[in-house]
Amino acid sequence: MVLFILKRLFYGFLVLWGVVSVVFLLFNVLPGDPARMMLGQRADSASVAAINHDLGRDKPLSLQYLNYINDLSIISIHNTKDAESFWFLNPNKYGDTKPFITFGDEIGIVIKKPYLRRSYQNSRLVSDILFEAFPKTALLAIVAVSMALVIGIFVGTLSAIYKDTWFDKLALVLSVSGMSIPSFFAAILFAWLFAFVLEDYTGLSMFGSLYSVDDFGRGEYINLKNLILPAIVLGIRPLAIVVELTRSSLLEVMSQDYIRTAKAKGLSKYKVLRNHAMKNALNPVITAISGWLASLMAGAVFVEFVFDWKGVGVAIVDALNKYDFPVVMGAVMFISVILVLINILVDILYAYLDPRIRLY
């Protein structure tokens, strides 16, 4: 089991390394001068050169790549003395981090949190921007997936029990429709219908925030009603998939020999379903929902943008509109880490439940 976990961690590291390399090369060949973005188009050449030197953009691309890897790494090598060095352990970037191993008077190895650079627009740390937005995206994703899981398993189970009835056919039509509707179109449609046309009846706002200011401006309070529409829209496609998977998997399990044996022993249909069928039928559902949770927590860009939900998706869109490359690069890396970690955890869970998986 330990060897299996180490292999999965190594594969995850290779994936992240590939993502880092592609992201770095992609965003360093795009047009645009970060110094001009930070100082304005009328900035003098000396100021532009100073900013580019501070960002390291006056160095060869290979050195910039190595420095980017060094910044992202938890364990990194820095110059601890020379403030003009390209590898200087700058406290404004890395905090008050001290080297735990030193080589000579200047070179040291430190353990630090990854440095994702600073925003070109407001000079804030990219990590602060993402960690401020992520809890809102996480809340939205967890509510959407939970809704999809509970309703989807319930509807899919009923569809399997009452196969070929009007309920089963209606559930299939709705699930296929849910999988066919793009998220951005569903977001626009729901926002227009329930938060604009029917706003007087629903009380829902088209551009609702999770937090609202009280009448006297003394502070913020949680306004969960503004979570309803984006969560429903975000959960439509996972809900449709869970219904389909639950139905097909349960029908397959119900046709197995051990189910017929359980029925022959005189067990009620409810006990057979609860104690024998559901446990084995939900494996593919858990697989699918874990992937959806990873992708939704990474940032539901279109849904957040339409409903002005201040999560990771809105941060990405704003950064793209302003050519704020460090924020986009940091968001891509943030999303990649989430996807890799959740996939590794799912693999470990499968290996624990089914020892045969450890052979691969």
Foldseek 3Di string as FASTA:
>chain_A
DVVLLVVLVVVLVVVLVVLLVVLLVVLVPDDDQLQCLQPPVPDDPVSSVVVCLVLVVVPDSVVNSVVLVQLQDQKHKAFDPDPSDPRYPDCVFFNPWDFPDADPDTIGITGGHRFLAAWSHPRHGLVVLAVVFLVLLLVLLVLLLVVLQVLQLVLLVVCQVVPPDPSVVVLLVQLVVLQPDDLLVLLVVCLCVVAPVVCVPLVEHLQDEQWDADPVRPDIDGDCSNSPSLSNSLNSNLNSVSSVQSNVLLNVQCPDPVLVVVVVVPDDPVCSCVVPRPVRSCVVNVVVSLQSSLQSSLDPQSNCVRNVYRHLNVQCVVCVVSVRSSSVSVSSSVSSVSNSVSVSVVLVVVCVVPVVSSVD
